[in-house]
N, C-alpha and C. Protein backbone atom coordinates (compact mmCIF):
# COMPACT_ATOMS: atom_id res chain seq x y z
N MET A 1 -11.76 -37.88 193.78
CA MET A 1 -10.35 -38.14 194.09
C MET A 1 -9.95 -39.55 193.67
N ASN A 2 -8.83 -39.68 193.07
CA ASN A 2 -8.35 -40.97 192.57
C ASN A 2 -7.18 -41.45 193.42
N PHE A 3 -7.44 -42.42 194.26
CA PHE A 3 -6.41 -42.98 195.15
C PHE A 3 -5.86 -44.26 194.53
N GLN A 4 -4.60 -44.34 194.40
CA GLN A 4 -4.01 -45.60 193.92
C GLN A 4 -3.42 -46.34 195.12
N PRO A 5 -3.74 -47.61 195.20
CA PRO A 5 -3.22 -48.37 196.39
C PRO A 5 -1.70 -48.53 196.27
N ILE A 6 -1.06 -48.42 197.46
CA ILE A 6 0.41 -48.63 197.48
C ILE A 6 0.62 -50.10 197.89
N LEU A 7 0.82 -50.95 196.90
CA LEU A 7 1.04 -52.39 197.14
C LEU A 7 2.40 -52.83 196.53
N LEU A 8 2.53 -54.13 196.38
CA LEU A 8 3.77 -54.68 195.79
C LEU A 8 3.97 -54.25 194.31
N GLY A 9 2.95 -53.79 193.69
CA GLY A 9 3.03 -53.40 192.30
C GLY A 9 3.97 -52.18 192.10
N VAL A 10 4.23 -51.45 193.12
CA VAL A 10 5.09 -50.25 192.99
C VAL A 10 6.53 -50.58 193.37
N LEU A 11 6.84 -51.82 193.78
CA LEU A 11 8.20 -52.18 194.11
C LEU A 11 8.96 -52.54 192.88
N GLY A 12 10.13 -51.98 192.77
CA GLY A 12 11.00 -52.24 191.58
C GLY A 12 12.00 -53.32 191.99
N THR A 13 12.89 -53.62 191.05
CA THR A 13 13.92 -54.63 191.27
C THR A 13 14.87 -54.23 192.41
N GLN A 14 15.26 -52.97 192.46
CA GLN A 14 16.15 -52.53 193.50
C GLN A 14 15.58 -52.66 194.89
N GLU A 15 14.29 -52.36 194.99
CA GLU A 15 13.65 -52.47 196.29
C GLU A 15 13.58 -53.89 196.77
N ILE A 16 13.27 -54.78 195.85
CA ILE A 16 13.16 -56.19 196.14
C ILE A 16 14.54 -56.71 196.60
N ILE A 17 15.57 -56.33 195.92
CA ILE A 17 16.92 -56.76 196.28
C ILE A 17 17.29 -56.24 197.65
N ILE A 18 16.96 -54.98 197.98
CA ILE A 18 17.25 -54.44 199.30
C ILE A 18 16.48 -55.18 200.38
N ILE A 19 15.23 -55.51 200.12
CA ILE A 19 14.42 -56.28 201.08
C ILE A 19 15.03 -57.66 201.29
N ALA A 20 15.48 -58.32 200.22
CA ALA A 20 16.09 -59.64 200.36
C ALA A 20 17.39 -59.57 201.17
N ILE A 21 18.16 -58.50 200.97
CA ILE A 21 19.40 -58.41 201.76
C ILE A 21 19.11 -58.13 203.22
N ILE A 22 18.06 -57.34 203.50
CA ILE A 22 17.73 -57.11 204.92
C ILE A 22 17.24 -58.43 205.54
N ILE A 23 16.43 -59.21 204.84
CA ILE A 23 15.96 -60.50 205.39
C ILE A 23 17.13 -61.41 205.60
N LEU A 24 18.10 -61.44 204.67
CA LEU A 24 19.28 -62.24 204.84
C LEU A 24 20.07 -61.86 206.07
N LEU A 25 20.22 -60.57 206.32
CA LEU A 25 20.99 -60.07 207.45
C LEU A 25 20.24 -60.38 208.76
N LEU A 26 18.90 -60.30 208.74
CA LEU A 26 18.13 -60.50 209.98
C LEU A 26 18.11 -61.98 210.35
N PHE A 27 17.91 -62.86 209.43
CA PHE A 27 17.66 -64.26 209.73
C PHE A 27 18.94 -65.13 209.47
N GLY A 28 19.83 -64.70 208.68
CA GLY A 28 21.05 -65.46 208.40
C GLY A 28 20.83 -66.49 207.36
N GLY A 29 21.86 -66.94 206.69
CA GLY A 29 21.76 -67.87 205.59
C GLY A 29 21.24 -69.22 206.02
N ARG A 30 21.51 -69.66 207.25
CA ARG A 30 21.10 -70.99 207.64
C ARG A 30 19.66 -71.08 208.06
N LYS A 31 19.12 -69.94 208.49
CA LYS A 31 17.73 -69.95 209.01
C LYS A 31 16.69 -69.85 207.88
N ILE A 32 17.08 -69.25 206.78
CA ILE A 32 16.12 -69.03 205.65
C ILE A 32 15.60 -70.35 205.09
N PRO A 33 16.44 -71.40 204.83
CA PRO A 33 15.82 -72.65 204.30
C PRO A 33 14.83 -73.26 205.33
N GLU A 34 15.10 -73.12 206.63
CA GLU A 34 14.17 -73.64 207.62
C GLU A 34 12.84 -72.88 207.55
N LEU A 35 12.92 -71.58 207.38
CA LEU A 35 11.75 -70.79 207.27
C LEU A 35 10.91 -71.17 206.02
N MET A 36 11.60 -71.34 204.90
CA MET A 36 10.94 -71.68 203.67
C MET A 36 10.31 -73.10 203.78
N ARG A 37 11.02 -73.99 204.43
CA ARG A 37 10.49 -75.35 204.67
C ARG A 37 9.22 -75.33 205.46
N GLY A 38 9.20 -74.50 206.49
CA GLY A 38 8.00 -74.35 207.34
C GLY A 38 6.88 -73.75 206.54
N LEU A 39 7.21 -72.75 205.72
CA LEU A 39 6.19 -72.14 204.86
C LEU A 39 5.57 -73.16 203.88
N GLY A 40 6.47 -73.97 203.31
CA GLY A 40 6.00 -75.00 202.35
C GLY A 40 5.09 -76.02 203.05
N LYS A 41 5.44 -76.44 204.23
CA LYS A 41 4.59 -77.36 204.98
C LYS A 41 3.24 -76.76 205.32
N GLY A 42 3.24 -75.48 205.68
CA GLY A 42 1.99 -74.79 205.97
C GLY A 42 1.10 -74.70 204.75
N ILE A 43 1.64 -74.37 203.61
CA ILE A 43 0.89 -74.27 202.39
C ILE A 43 0.37 -75.66 201.99
N ARG A 44 1.19 -76.69 202.16
CA ARG A 44 0.77 -78.06 201.80
C ARG A 44 -0.41 -78.48 202.71
N GLU A 45 -0.34 -78.18 204.00
CA GLU A 45 -1.44 -78.58 204.91
C GLU A 45 -2.73 -77.80 204.57
N PHE A 46 -2.56 -76.51 204.20
CA PHE A 46 -3.72 -75.73 203.80
C PHE A 46 -4.36 -76.33 202.58
N ASN A 47 -3.59 -76.70 201.57
CA ASN A 47 -4.14 -77.27 200.35
C ASN A 47 -4.79 -78.67 200.61
N ASP A 48 -4.20 -79.46 201.48
CA ASP A 48 -4.79 -80.73 201.85
C ASP A 48 -6.13 -80.51 202.51
N ALA A 49 -6.22 -79.56 203.41
CA ALA A 49 -7.51 -79.29 204.11
C ALA A 49 -8.55 -78.76 203.07
N LYS A 50 -8.10 -77.90 202.20
CA LYS A 50 -8.98 -77.37 201.16
C LYS A 50 -9.54 -78.49 200.31
N ASN A 51 -8.68 -79.41 199.90
CA ASN A 51 -9.10 -80.50 199.05
C ASN A 51 -10.06 -81.46 199.77
N THR A 52 -9.81 -81.66 201.10
CA THR A 52 -10.64 -82.49 201.87
C THR A 52 -12.10 -81.91 201.94
N VAL A 53 -12.14 -80.61 202.26
CA VAL A 53 -13.44 -79.93 202.32
C VAL A 53 -14.17 -79.99 200.92
N ARG A 54 -13.39 -79.78 199.89
CA ARG A 54 -13.98 -79.86 198.53
C ARG A 54 -14.58 -81.21 198.23
N LYS A 55 -13.83 -82.27 198.64
CA LYS A 55 -14.33 -83.65 198.40
C LYS A 55 -15.57 -83.91 199.23
N GLU A 56 -15.59 -83.43 200.50
CA GLU A 56 -16.81 -83.63 201.32
C GLU A 56 -18.02 -82.90 200.76
N ILE A 57 -17.79 -81.74 200.20
CA ILE A 57 -18.91 -80.98 199.63
C ILE A 57 -19.42 -81.69 198.38
N GLU A 58 -18.48 -82.19 197.56
CA GLU A 58 -18.87 -82.95 196.33
C GLU A 58 -19.58 -84.20 196.66
N GLU A 59 -19.19 -84.89 197.68
CA GLU A 59 -19.84 -86.16 198.02
C GLU A 59 -21.13 -86.00 198.75
N ALA A 60 -21.40 -84.88 199.40
CA ALA A 60 -22.62 -84.67 200.13
C ALA A 60 -23.86 -84.79 199.32
N PRO A 61 -23.98 -84.17 198.14
CA PRO A 61 -25.21 -84.33 197.34
C PRO A 61 -25.40 -85.78 196.86
N ASN A 62 -24.31 -86.47 196.58
CA ASN A 62 -24.45 -87.86 196.14
C ASN A 62 -25.03 -88.76 197.20
N THR A 63 -24.64 -88.62 198.44
CA THR A 63 -25.14 -89.48 199.50
C THR A 63 -26.62 -89.10 199.80
N ASN A 64 -27.02 -87.89 199.69
CA ASN A 64 -28.36 -87.53 199.95
C ASN A 64 -29.33 -87.97 198.85
N SER A 65 -28.92 -87.98 197.61
CA SER A 65 -29.79 -88.37 196.55
C SER A 65 -29.96 -89.96 196.58
N ASN A 66 -28.99 -90.70 197.09
CA ASN A 66 -29.10 -92.12 197.15
C ASN A 66 -29.97 -92.61 198.30
N ASP A 67 -30.08 -91.77 199.36
CA ASP A 67 -30.89 -92.14 200.50
C ASP A 67 -32.39 -91.92 200.32
N THR A 68 -32.79 -91.13 199.37
CA THR A 68 -34.24 -90.87 199.20
C THR A 68 -34.84 -91.93 198.30
N PRO A 69 -35.96 -92.47 198.73
CA PRO A 69 -36.59 -93.49 197.89
C PRO A 69 -37.18 -92.92 196.66
N SER A 70 -37.10 -93.65 195.55
CA SER A 70 -37.63 -93.13 194.31
C SER A 70 -39.10 -93.57 194.16
N ALA A 71 -39.90 -92.60 193.73
CA ALA A 71 -41.32 -92.86 193.57
C ALA A 71 -41.58 -93.40 192.16
N LYS A 72 -42.31 -94.53 192.01
CA LYS A 72 -42.64 -95.11 190.72
C LYS A 72 -44.10 -95.04 190.45
């Protein structure tokens, strides 16, 4: 059996416009910028945390190799 997932790939232009109109009706024109601003802040905080963890991981091997005495 071949099952195709029903995801955003099957949405056409008309469906996206209808969804946008429904969102506009539900939240109103003034609330949408606030929602997008909050979403942007959330994404920014996530990326900052991701970059912090990446830097900590990259710095961890450097600190461990400097602490070990070298044998001559």
